[in-house]
Amino acid sequence: LEYRMVPLLISLVRIGDELTAAALT
């Protein structure tokens, strides 16, 4: 669970920020 979920959560947080910035751009 640690090897799968921790990288997933970190990646999703980063992608969420990128998508928000892309929408504003």
mmCIF file of all heavy atoms, coordinates in Angstrom:
data_MODEL
# 
_entry.id   MODEL 
# 
loop_
_atom_site.group_PDB 
_atom_site.id 
_atom_site.type_symbol 
_atom_site.label_atom_id 
_atom_site.label_alt_id 
_atom_site.label_comp_id 
_atom_site.label_asym_id 
_atom_site.label_entity_id 
_atom_site.label_seq_id 
_atom_site.pdbx_PDB_ins_code 
_atom_site.Cartn_x 
_atom_site.Cartn_y 
_atom_site.Cartn_z 
_atom_site.occupancy 
_atom_site.B_iso_or_equiv 
_atom_site.pdbx_formal_charge 
_atom_site.auth_seq_id 
_atom_site.auth_comp_id 
_atom_site.auth_asym_id 
_atom_site.auth_atom_id 
_atom_site.pdbx_PDB_model_num 
ATOM 1   N N   . LEU A 1 1  ? 0.832  -1.203 0.000   1.00 0.00 ? 1  LEU A N   1 
ATOM 2   C CA  . LEU A 1 1  ? 0.000  0.000  0.000   1.00 0.00 ? 1  LEU A CA  1 
ATOM 3   C C   . LEU A 1 1  ? 0.866  1.252  0.000   1.00 0.00 ? 1  LEU A C   1 
ATOM 4   O O   . LEU A 1 1  ? 0.564  2.237  -0.684  1.00 0.00 ? 1  LEU A O   1 
ATOM 5   C CB  . LEU A 1 1  ? -0.920 -0.013 1.221   1.00 0.00 ? 1  LEU A CB  1 
ATOM 6   C CG  . LEU A 1 1  ? -1.911 1.147  1.346   1.00 0.00 ? 1  LEU A CG  1 
ATOM 7   C CD1 . LEU A 1 1  ? -2.920 1.101  0.211   1.00 0.00 ? 1  LEU A CD1 1 
ATOM 8   C CD2 . LEU A 1 1  ? -2.626 1.089  2.692   1.00 0.00 ? 1  LEU A CD2 1 
ATOM 9   N N   . GLU A 1 2  ? 1.950  1.202  0.756   1.00 0.00 ? 2  GLU A N   1 
ATOM 10  C CA  . GLU A 1 2  ? 2.854  2.351  0.806   1.00 0.00 ? 2  GLU A CA  1 
ATOM 11  C C   . GLU A 1 2  ? 3.522  2.595  -0.533  1.00 0.00 ? 2  GLU A C   1 
ATOM 12  O O   . GLU A 1 2  ? 3.639  3.737  -0.996  1.00 0.00 ? 2  GLU A O   1 
ATOM 13  C CB  . GLU A 1 2  ? 3.913  2.119  1.885   1.00 0.00 ? 2  GLU A CB  1 
ATOM 14  C CG  . GLU A 1 2  ? 4.935  3.233  1.991   1.00 0.00 ? 2  GLU A CG  1 
ATOM 15  C CD  . GLU A 1 2  ? 5.998  2.933  3.016   1.00 0.00 ? 2  GLU A CD  1 
ATOM 16  O OE1 . GLU A 1 2  ? 5.866  1.901  3.721   1.00 0.00 ? 2  GLU A OE1 1 
ATOM 17  O OE2 . GLU A 1 2  ? 6.964  3.708  3.114   1.00 0.00 ? 2  GLU A OE2 1 
ATOM 18  N N   . TYR A 1 3  ? 3.964  1.546  -1.181  1.00 0.00 ? 3  TYR A N   1 
ATOM 19  C CA  . TYR A 1 3  ? 4.652  1.698  -2.464  1.00 0.00 ? 3  TYR A CA  1 
ATOM 20  C C   . TYR A 1 3  ? 3.710  2.166  -3.567  1.00 0.00 ? 3  TYR A C   1 
ATOM 21  O O   . TYR A 1 3  ? 4.164  2.753  -4.556  1.00 0.00 ? 3  TYR A O   1 
ATOM 22  C CB  . TYR A 1 3  ? 5.309  0.380  -2.872  1.00 0.00 ? 3  TYR A CB  1 
ATOM 23  C CG  . TYR A 1 3  ? 6.533  0.042  -2.077  1.00 0.00 ? 3  TYR A CG  1 
ATOM 24  C CD1 . TYR A 1 3  ? 6.692  -1.219 -1.498  1.00 0.00 ? 3  TYR A CD1 1 
ATOM 25  C CD2 . TYR A 1 3  ? 7.543  0.979  -1.887  1.00 0.00 ? 3  TYR A CD2 1 
ATOM 26  C CE1 . TYR A 1 3  ? 7.825  -1.533 -0.768  1.00 0.00 ? 3  TYR A CE1 1 
ATOM 27  C CE2 . TYR A 1 3  ? 8.679  0.672  -1.165  1.00 0.00 ? 3  TYR A CE2 1 
ATOM 28  C CZ  . TYR A 1 3  ? 8.812  -0.587 -0.602  1.00 0.00 ? 3  TYR A CZ  1 
ATOM 29  O OH  . TYR A 1 3  ? 9.934  -0.886 0.126   1.00 0.00 ? 3  TYR A OH  1 
ATOM 30  N N   . ARG A 1 4  ? 2.424  1.868  -3.444  1.00 0.00 ? 4  ARG A N   1 
ATOM 31  C CA  . ARG A 1 4  ? 1.477  2.254  -4.484  1.00 0.00 ? 4  ARG A CA  1 
ATOM 32  C C   . ARG A 1 4  ? 0.791  3.586  -4.171  1.00 0.00 ? 4  ARG A C   1 
ATOM 33  O O   . ARG A 1 4  ? 0.702  4.462  -5.038  1.00 0.00 ? 4  ARG A O   1 
ATOM 34  C CB  . ARG A 1 4  ? 0.412  1.160  -4.647  1.00 0.00 ? 4  ARG A CB  1 
ATOM 35  C CG  . ARG A 1 4  ? 0.924  -0.145 -5.185  1.00 0.00 ? 4  ARG A CG  1 
ATOM 36  C CD  . ARG A 1 4  ? 1.280  -0.056 -6.660  1.00 0.00 ? 4  ARG A CD  1 
ATOM 37  N NE  . ARG A 1 4  ? 1.766  -1.327 -7.175  1.00 0.00 ? 4  ARG A NE  1 
ATOM 38  C CZ  . ARG A 1 4  ? 0.982  -2.267 -7.692  1.00 0.00 ? 4  ARG A CZ  1 
ATOM 39  N NH1 . ARG A 1 4  ? -0.316 -2.065 -7.764  1.00 0.00 ? 4  ARG A NH1 1 
ATOM 40  N NH2 . ARG A 1 4  ? 1.506  -3.384 -8.152  1.00 0.00 ? 4  ARG A NH2 1 
ATOM 41  N N   . MET A 1 5  ? 0.276  3.745  -2.954  1.00 0.00 ? 5  MET A N   1 
ATOM 42  C CA  . MET A 1 5  ? -0.578 4.889  -2.651  1.00 0.00 ? 5  MET A CA  1 
ATOM 43  C C   . MET A 1 5  ? 0.204  6.166  -2.392  1.00 0.00 ? 5  MET A C   1 
ATOM 44  O O   . MET A 1 5  ? -0.230 7.252  -2.797  1.00 0.00 ? 5  MET A O   1 
ATOM 45  C CB  . MET A 1 5  ? -1.463 4.565  -1.436  1.00 0.00 ? 5  MET A CB  1 
ATOM 46  C CG  . MET A 1 5  ? -2.438 3.431  -1.679  1.00 0.00 ? 5  MET A CG  1 
ATOM 47  S SD  . MET A 1 5  ? -3.468 3.679  -3.158  1.00 0.00 ? 5  MET A SD  1 
ATOM 48  C CE  . MET A 1 5  ? -4.323 5.189  -2.701  1.00 0.00 ? 5  MET A CE  1 
ATOM 49  N N   . VAL A 1 6  ? 1.337  6.072  -1.713  1.00 0.00 ? 6  VAL A N   1 
ATOM 50  C CA  . VAL A 1 6  ? 2.108  7.287  -1.419  1.00 0.00 ? 6  VAL A CA  1 
ATOM 51  C C   . VAL A 1 6  ? 2.588  7.964  -2.700  1.00 0.00 ? 6  VAL A C   1 
ATOM 52  O O   . VAL A 1 6  ? 2.389  9.176  -2.878  1.00 0.00 ? 6  VAL A O   1 
ATOM 53  C CB  . VAL A 1 6  ? 3.277  6.966  -0.472  1.00 0.00 ? 6  VAL A CB  1 
ATOM 54  C CG1 . VAL A 1 6  ? 4.190  8.184  -0.322  1.00 0.00 ? 6  VAL A CG1 1 
ATOM 55  C CG2 . VAL A 1 6  ? 2.755  6.530  0.891   1.00 0.00 ? 6  VAL A CG2 1 
ATOM 56  N N   . PRO A 1 7  ? 3.204  7.240  -3.650  1.00 0.00 ? 7  PRO A N   1 
ATOM 57  C CA  . PRO A 1 7  ? 3.560  7.911  -4.914  1.00 0.00 ? 7  PRO A CA  1 
ATOM 58  C C   . PRO A 1 7  ? 2.348  8.440  -5.669  1.00 0.00 ? 7  PRO A C   1 
ATOM 59  O O   . PRO A 1 7  ? 2.423  9.497  -6.312  1.00 0.00 ? 7  PRO A O   1 
ATOM 60  C CB  . PRO A 1 7  ? 4.271  6.814  -5.714  1.00 0.00 ? 7  PRO A CB  1 
ATOM 61  C CG  . PRO A 1 7  ? 4.725  5.835  -4.694  1.00 0.00 ? 7  PRO A CG  1 
ATOM 62  C CD  . PRO A 1 7  ? 3.695  5.853  -3.621  1.00 0.00 ? 7  PRO A CD  1 
ATOM 63  N N   . LEU A 1 8  ? 1.234  7.706  -5.596  1.00 0.00 ? 8  LEU A N   1 
ATOM 64  C CA  . LEU A 1 8  ? 0.030  8.156  -6.296  1.00 0.00 ? 8  LEU A CA  1 
ATOM 65  C C   . LEU A 1 8  ? -0.481 9.473  -5.726  1.00 0.00 ? 8  LEU A C   1 
ATOM 66  O O   . LEU A 1 8  ? -0.808 10.405 -6.477  1.00 0.00 ? 8  LEU A O   1 
ATOM 67  C CB  . LEU A 1 8  ? -1.050 7.086  -6.213  1.00 0.00 ? 8  LEU A CB  1 
ATOM 68  C CG  . LEU A 1 8  ? -2.398 7.442  -6.858  1.00 0.00 ? 8  LEU A CG  1 
ATOM 69  C CD1 . LEU A 1 8  ? -2.231 7.645  -8.361  1.00 0.00 ? 8  LEU A CD1 1 
ATOM 70  C CD2 . LEU A 1 8  ? -3.428 6.351  -6.575  1.00 0.00 ? 8  LEU A CD2 1 
ATOM 71  N N   . LEU A 1 9  ? -0.560 9.566  -4.395  1.00 0.00 ? 9  LEU A N   1 
ATOM 72  C CA  . LEU A 1 9  ? -1.053 10.793 -3.776  1.00 0.00 ? 9  LEU A CA  1 
ATOM 73  C C   . LEU A 1 9  ? -0.144 11.982 -4.066  1.00 0.00 ? 9  LEU A C   1 
ATOM 74  O O   . LEU A 1 9  ? -0.614 13.084 -4.362  1.00 0.00 ? 9  LEU A O   1 
ATOM 75  C CB  . LEU A 1 9  ? -1.192 10.585 -2.258  1.00 0.00 ? 9  LEU A CB  1 
ATOM 76  C CG  . LEU A 1 9  ? -2.265 9.579  -1.822  1.00 0.00 ? 9  LEU A CG  1 
ATOM 77  C CD1 . LEU A 1 9  ? -2.239 9.399  -0.312  1.00 0.00 ? 9  LEU A CD1 1 
ATOM 78  C CD2 . LEU A 1 9  ? -3.637 10.024 -2.280  1.00 0.00 ? 9  LEU A CD2 1 
ATOM 79  N N   . ILE A 1 10 ? 1.166  11.761 -3.986  1.00 0.00 ? 10 ILE A N   1 
ATOM 80  C CA  . ILE A 1 10 ? 2.109  12.841 -4.283  1.00 0.00 ? 10 ILE A CA  1 
ATOM 81  C C   . ILE A 1 10 ? 1.975  13.292 -5.736  1.00 0.00 ? 10 ILE A C   1 
ATOM 82  O O   . ILE A 1 10 ? 1.969  14.502 -6.039  1.00 0.00 ? 10 ILE A O   1 
ATOM 83  C CB  . ILE A 1 10 ? 3.548  12.396 -3.976  1.00 0.00 ? 10 ILE A CB  1 
ATOM 84  C CG1 . ILE A 1 10 ? 3.717  12.133 -2.480  1.00 0.00 ? 10 ILE A CG1 1 
ATOM 85  C CG2 . ILE A 1 10 ? 4.556  13.442 -4.450  1.00 0.00 ? 10 ILE A CG2 1 
ATOM 86  C CD1 . ILE A 1 10 ? 5.066  11.578 -2.098  1.00 0.00 ? 10 ILE A CD1 1 
ATOM 87  N N   . SER A 1 11 ? 1.839  12.345 -6.643  1.00 0.00 ? 11 SER A N   1 
ATOM 88  C CA  . SER A 1 11 ? 1.705  12.674 -8.057  1.00 0.00 ? 11 SER A CA  1 
ATOM 89  C C   . SER A 1 11 ? 0.400  13.413 -8.332  1.00 0.00 ? 11 SER A C   1 
ATOM 90  O O   . SER A 1 11 ? 0.373  14.361 -9.120  1.00 0.00 ? 11 SER A O   1 
ATOM 91  C CB  . SER A 1 11 ? 1.773  11.400 -8.896  1.00 0.00 ? 11 SER A CB  1 
ATOM 92  O OG  . SER A 1 11 ? 1.615  11.678 -10.262 1.00 0.00 ? 11 SER A OG  1 
ATOM 93  N N   . LEU A 1 12 ? -0.692 13.001 -7.675  1.00 0.00 ? 12 LEU A N   1 
ATOM 94  C CA  . LEU A 1 12 ? -1.980 13.647 -7.910  1.00 0.00 ? 12 LEU A CA  1 
ATOM 95  C C   . LEU A 1 12 ? -1.997 15.077 -7.385  1.00 0.00 ? 12 LEU A C   1 
ATOM 96  O O   . LEU A 1 12 ? -2.630 15.959 -7.989  1.00 0.00 ? 12 LEU A O   1 
ATOM 97  C CB  . LEU A 1 12 ? -3.100 12.823 -7.266  1.00 0.00 ? 12 LEU A CB  1 
ATOM 98  C CG  . LEU A 1 12 ? -3.379 11.463 -7.889  1.00 0.00 ? 12 LEU A CG  1 
ATOM 99  C CD1 . LEU A 1 12 ? -4.520 10.767 -7.172  1.00 0.00 ? 12 LEU A CD1 1 
ATOM 100 C CD2 . LEU A 1 12 ? -3.693 11.597 -9.377  1.00 0.00 ? 12 LEU A CD2 1 
ATOM 101 N N   . VAL A 1 13 ? -1.329 15.325 -6.281  1.00 0.00 ? 13 VAL A N   1 
ATOM 102 C CA  . VAL A 1 13 ? -1.244 16.698 -5.769  1.00 0.00 ? 13 VAL A CA  1 
ATOM 103 C C   . VAL A 1 13 ? -0.523 17.591 -6.770  1.00 0.00 ? 13 VAL A C   1 
ATOM 104 O O   . VAL A 1 13 ? -0.947 18.723 -7.061  1.00 0.00 ? 13 VAL A O   1 
ATOM 105 C CB  . VAL A 1 13 ? -0.543 16.715 -4.402  1.00 0.00 ? 13 VAL A CB  1 
ATOM 106 C CG1 . VAL A 1 13 ? -0.237 18.147 -3.982  1.00 0.00 ? 13 VAL A CG1 1 
ATOM 107 C CG2 . VAL A 1 13 ? -1.417 16.044 -3.354  1.00 0.00 ? 13 VAL A CG2 1 
ATOM 108 N N   . ARG A 1 14 ? 0.570  17.092 -7.309  1.00 0.00 ? 14 ARG A N   1 
ATOM 109 C CA  . ARG A 1 14 ? 1.328  17.870 -8.301  1.00 0.00 ? 14 ARG A CA  1 
ATOM 110 C C   . ARG A 1 14 ? 0.505  18.103 -9.566  1.00 0.00 ? 14 ARG A C   1 
ATOM 111 O O   . ARG A 1 14 ? 0.469  19.207 -10.100 1.00 0.00 ? 14 ARG A O   1 
ATOM 112 C CB  . ARG A 1 14 ? 2.616  17.133 -8.643  1.00 0.00 ? 14 ARG A CB  1 
ATOM 113 C CG  . ARG A 1 14 ? 3.432  17.782 -9.751  1.00 0.00 ? 14 ARG A CG  1 
ATOM 114 C CD  . ARG A 1 14 ? 4.691  16.975 -10.037 1.00 0.00 ? 14 ARG A CD  1 
ATOM 115 N NE  . ARG A 1 14 ? 4.384  15.574 -10.305 1.00 0.00 ? 14 ARG A NE  1 
ATOM 116 C CZ  . ARG A 1 14 ? 3.977  15.115 -11.481 1.00 0.00 ? 14 ARG A CZ  1 
ATOM 117 N NH1 . ARG A 1 14 ? 3.808  15.968 -12.498 1.00 0.00 ? 14 ARG A NH1 1 
ATOM 118 N NH2 . ARG A 1 14 ? 3.748  13.831 -11.660 1.00 0.00 ? 14 ARG A NH2 1 
ATOM 119 N N   . ILE A 1 15 ? -0.182 17.061 -10.032 1.00 0.00 ? 15 ILE A N   1 
ATOM 120 C CA  . ILE A 1 15 ? -0.980 17.187 -11.251 1.00 0.00 ? 15 ILE A CA  1 
ATOM 121 C C   . ILE A 1 15 ? -2.148 18.142 -11.036 1.00 0.00 ? 15 ILE A C   1 
ATOM 122 O O   . ILE A 1 15 ? -2.501 18.922 -11.933 1.00 0.00 ? 15 ILE A O   1 
ATOM 123 C CB  . ILE A 1 15 ? -1.471 15.804 -11.700 1.00 0.00 ? 15 ILE A CB  1 
ATOM 124 C CG1 . ILE A 1 15 ? -0.286 14.956 -12.165 1.00 0.00 ? 15 ILE A CG1 1 
ATOM 125 C CG2 . ILE A 1 15 ? -2.498 15.917 -12.819 1.00 0.00 ? 15 ILE A CG2 1 
ATOM 126 C CD1 . ILE A 1 15 ? -0.640 13.545 -12.496 1.00 0.00 ? 15 ILE A CD1 1 
ATOM 127 N N   . GLY A 1 16 ? -2.747 18.108 -9.853  1.00 0.00 ? 16 GLY A N   1 
ATOM 128 C CA  . GLY A 1 16 ? -3.831 19.038 -9.568  1.00 0.00 ? 16 GLY A CA  1 
ATOM 129 C C   . GLY A 1 16 ? -3.387 20.484 -9.655  1.00 0.00 ? 16 GLY A C   1 
ATOM 130 O O   . GLY A 1 16 ? -4.092 21.337 -10.215 1.00 0.00 ? 16 GLY A O   1 
ATOM 131 N N   . ASP A 1 17 ? -2.212 20.777 -9.117  1.00 0.00 ? 17 ASP A N   1 
ATOM 132 C CA  . ASP A 1 17 ? -1.674 22.142 -9.218  1.00 0.00 ? 17 ASP A CA  1 
ATOM 133 C C   . ASP A 1 17 ? -1.398 22.515 -10.669 1.00 0.00 ? 17 ASP A C   1 
ATOM 134 O O   . ASP A 1 17 ? -1.674 23.647 -11.096 1.00 0.00 ? 17 ASP A O   1 
ATOM 135 C CB  . ASP A 1 17 ? -0.393 22.253 -8.386  1.00 0.00 ? 17 ASP A CB  1 
ATOM 136 C CG  . ASP A 1 17 ? -0.656 22.118 -6.896  1.00 0.00 ? 17 ASP A CG  1 
ATOM 137 O OD1 . ASP A 1 17 ? -1.803 22.370 -6.482  1.00 0.00 ? 17 ASP A OD1 1 
ATOM 138 O OD2 . ASP A 1 17 ? 0.283  21.737 -6.157  1.00 0.00 ? 17 ASP A OD2 1 
ATOM 139 N N   . GLU A 1 18 ? -0.857 21.584 -11.439 1.00 0.00 ? 18 GLU A N   1 
ATOM 140 C CA  . GLU A 1 18 ? -0.560 21.868 -12.840 1.00 0.00 ? 18 GLU A CA  1 
ATOM 141 C C   . GLU A 1 18 ? -1.831 22.105 -13.650 1.00 0.00 ? 18 GLU A C   1 
ATOM 142 O O   . GLU A 1 18 ? -1.877 22.997 -14.506 1.00 0.00 ? 18 GLU A O   1 
ATOM 143 C CB  . GLU A 1 18 ? 0.238  20.716 -13.443 1.00 0.00 ? 18 GLU A CB  1 
ATOM 144 C CG  . GLU A 1 18 ? 1.647  20.579 -12.874 1.00 0.00 ? 18 GLU A CG  1 
ATOM 145 C CD  . GLU A 1 18 ? 2.381  19.392 -13.464 1.00 0.00 ? 18 GLU A CD  1 
ATOM 146 O OE1 . GLU A 1 18 ? 1.745  18.623 -14.221 1.00 0.00 ? 18 GLU A OE1 1 
ATOM 147 O OE2 . GLU A 1 18 ? 3.582  19.235 -13.180 1.00 0.00 ? 18 GLU A OE2 1 
ATOM 148 N N   . LEU A 1 19 ? -2.873 21.319 -13.395 1.00 0.00 ? 19 LEU A N   1 
ATOM 149 C CA  . LEU A 1 19 ? -4.121 21.501 -14.127 1.00 0.00 ? 19 LEU A CA  1 
ATOM 150 C C   . LEU A 1 19 ? -4.778 22.824 -13.787 1.00 0.00 ? 19 LEU A C   1 
ATOM 151 O O   . LEU A 1 19 ? -5.361 23.489 -14.650 1.00 0.00 ? 19 LEU A O   1 
ATOM 152 C CB  . LEU A 1 19 ? -5.073 20.334 -13.830 1.00 0.00 ? 19 LEU A CB  1 
ATOM 153 C CG  . LEU A 1 19 ? -4.689 18.967 -14.396 1.00 0.00 ? 19 LEU A CG  1 
ATOM 154 C CD1 . LEU A 1 19 ? -5.672 17.916 -13.954 1.00 0.00 ? 19 LEU A CD1 1 
ATOM 155 C CD2 . LEU A 1 19 ? -4.628 19.029 -15.920 1.00 0.00 ? 19 LEU A CD2 1 
ATOM 156 N N   . THR A 1 20 ? -4.705 23.224 -12.522 1.00 0.00 ? 20 THR A N   1 
ATOM 157 C CA  . THR A 1 20 ? -5.261 24.521 -12.132 1.00 0.00 ? 20 THR A CA  1 
ATOM 158 C C   . THR A 1 20 ? -4.521 25.653 -12.820 1.00 0.00 ? 20 THR A C   1 
ATOM 159 O O   . THR A 1 20 ? -5.136 26.600 -13.345 1.00 0.00 ? 20 THR A O   1 
ATOM 160 C CB  . THR A 1 20 ? -5.182 24.686 -10.610 1.00 0.00 ? 20 THR A CB  1 
ATOM 161 O OG1 . THR A 1 20 ? -5.874 23.597 -9.984  1.00 0.00 ? 20 THR A OG1 1 
ATOM 162 C CG2 . THR A 1 20 ? -5.820 25.990 -10.179 1.00 0.00 ? 20 THR A CG2 1 
ATOM 163 N N   . ALA A 1 21 ? -3.186 25.576 -12.837 1.00 0.00 ? 21 ALA A N   1 
ATOM 164 C CA  . ALA A 1 21 ? -2.397 26.609 -13.515 1.00 0.00 ? 21 ALA A CA  1 
ATOM 165 C C   . ALA A 1 21 ? -2.688 26.623 -15.014 1.00 0.00 ? 21 ALA A C   1 
ATOM 166 O O   . ALA A 1 21 ? -2.758 27.697 -15.637 1.00 0.00 ? 21 ALA A O   1 
ATOM 167 C CB  . ALA A 1 21 ? -0.915 26.375 -13.258 1.00 0.00 ? 21 ALA A CB  1 
ATOM 168 N N   . ALA A 1 22 ? -2.880 25.445 -15.610 1.00 0.00 ? 22 ALA A N   1 
ATOM 169 C CA  . ALA A 1 22 ? -3.184 25.378 -17.040 1.00 0.00 ? 22 ALA A CA  1 
ATOM 170 C C   . ALA A 1 22 ? -4.539 25.998 -17.350 1.00 0.00 ? 22 ALA A C   1 
ATOM 171 O O   . ALA A 1 22 ? -4.705 26.691 -18.365 1.00 0.00 ? 22 ALA A O   1 
ATOM 172 C CB  . ALA A 1 22 ? -3.149 23.933 -17.514 1.00 0.00 ? 22 ALA A CB  1 
ATOM 173 N N   . ALA A 1 23 ? -5.518 25.774 -16.474 1.00 0.00 ? 23 ALA A N   1 
ATOM 174 C CA  . ALA A 1 23 ? -6.842 26.362 -16.686 1.00 0.00 ? 23 ALA A CA  1 
ATOM 175 C C   . ALA A 1 23 ? -6.787 27.880 -16.624 1.00 0.00 ? 23 ALA A C   1 
ATOM 176 O O   . ALA A 1 23 ? -7.420 28.575 -17.428 1.00 0.00 ? 23 ALA A O   1 
ATOM 177 C CB  . ALA A 1 23 ? -7.825 25.816 -15.656 1.00 0.00 ? 23 ALA A CB  1 
ATOM 178 N N   . LEU A 1 24 ? -6.043 28.409 -15.672 1.00 0.00 ? 24 LEU A N   1 
ATOM 179 C CA  . LEU A 1 24 ? -5.913 29.863 -15.563 1.00 0.00 ? 24 LEU A CA  1 
ATOM 180 C C   . LEU A 1 24 ? -5.131 30.435 -16.727 1.00 0.00 ? 24 LEU A C   1 
ATOM 181 O O   . LEU A 1 24 ? -5.415 31.535 -17.216 1.00 0.00 ? 24 LEU A O   1 
ATOM 182 C CB  . LEU A 1 24 ? -5.247 30.223 -14.233 1.00 0.00 ? 24 LEU A CB  1 
ATOM 183 C CG  . LEU A 1 24 ? -6.036 29.847 -12.970 1.00 0.00 ? 24 LEU A CG  1 
ATOM 184 C CD1 . LEU A 1 24 ? -5.229 30.177 -11.720 1.00 0.00 ? 24 LEU A CD1 1 
ATOM 185 C CD2 . LEU A 1 24 ? -7.388 30.553 -12.939 1.00 0.00 ? 24 LEU A CD2 1 
ATOM 186 N N   . THR A 1 25 ? -4.129 29.686 -17.206 1.00 0.00 ? 25 THR A N   1 
ATOM 187 C CA  . THR A 1 25 ? -3.336 30.146 -18.345 1.00 0.00 ? 25 THR A CA  1 
ATOM 188 C C   . THR A 1 25 ? -4.180 30.219 -19.613 1.00 0.00 ? 25 THR A C   1 
ATOM 189 O O   . THR A 1 25 ? -3.974 31.101 -20.464 1.00 0.00 ? 25 THR A O   1 
ATOM 190 C CB  . THR A 1 25 ? -2.143 29.201 -18.572 1.00 0.00 ? 25 THR A CB  1 
ATOM 191 O OG1 . THR A 1 25 ? -1.369 29.139 -17.375 1.00 0.00 ? 25 THR A OG1 1 
ATOM 192 C CG2 . THR A 1 25 ? -1.265 29.683 -19.712 1.00 0.00 ? 25 THR A CG2 1 
# 
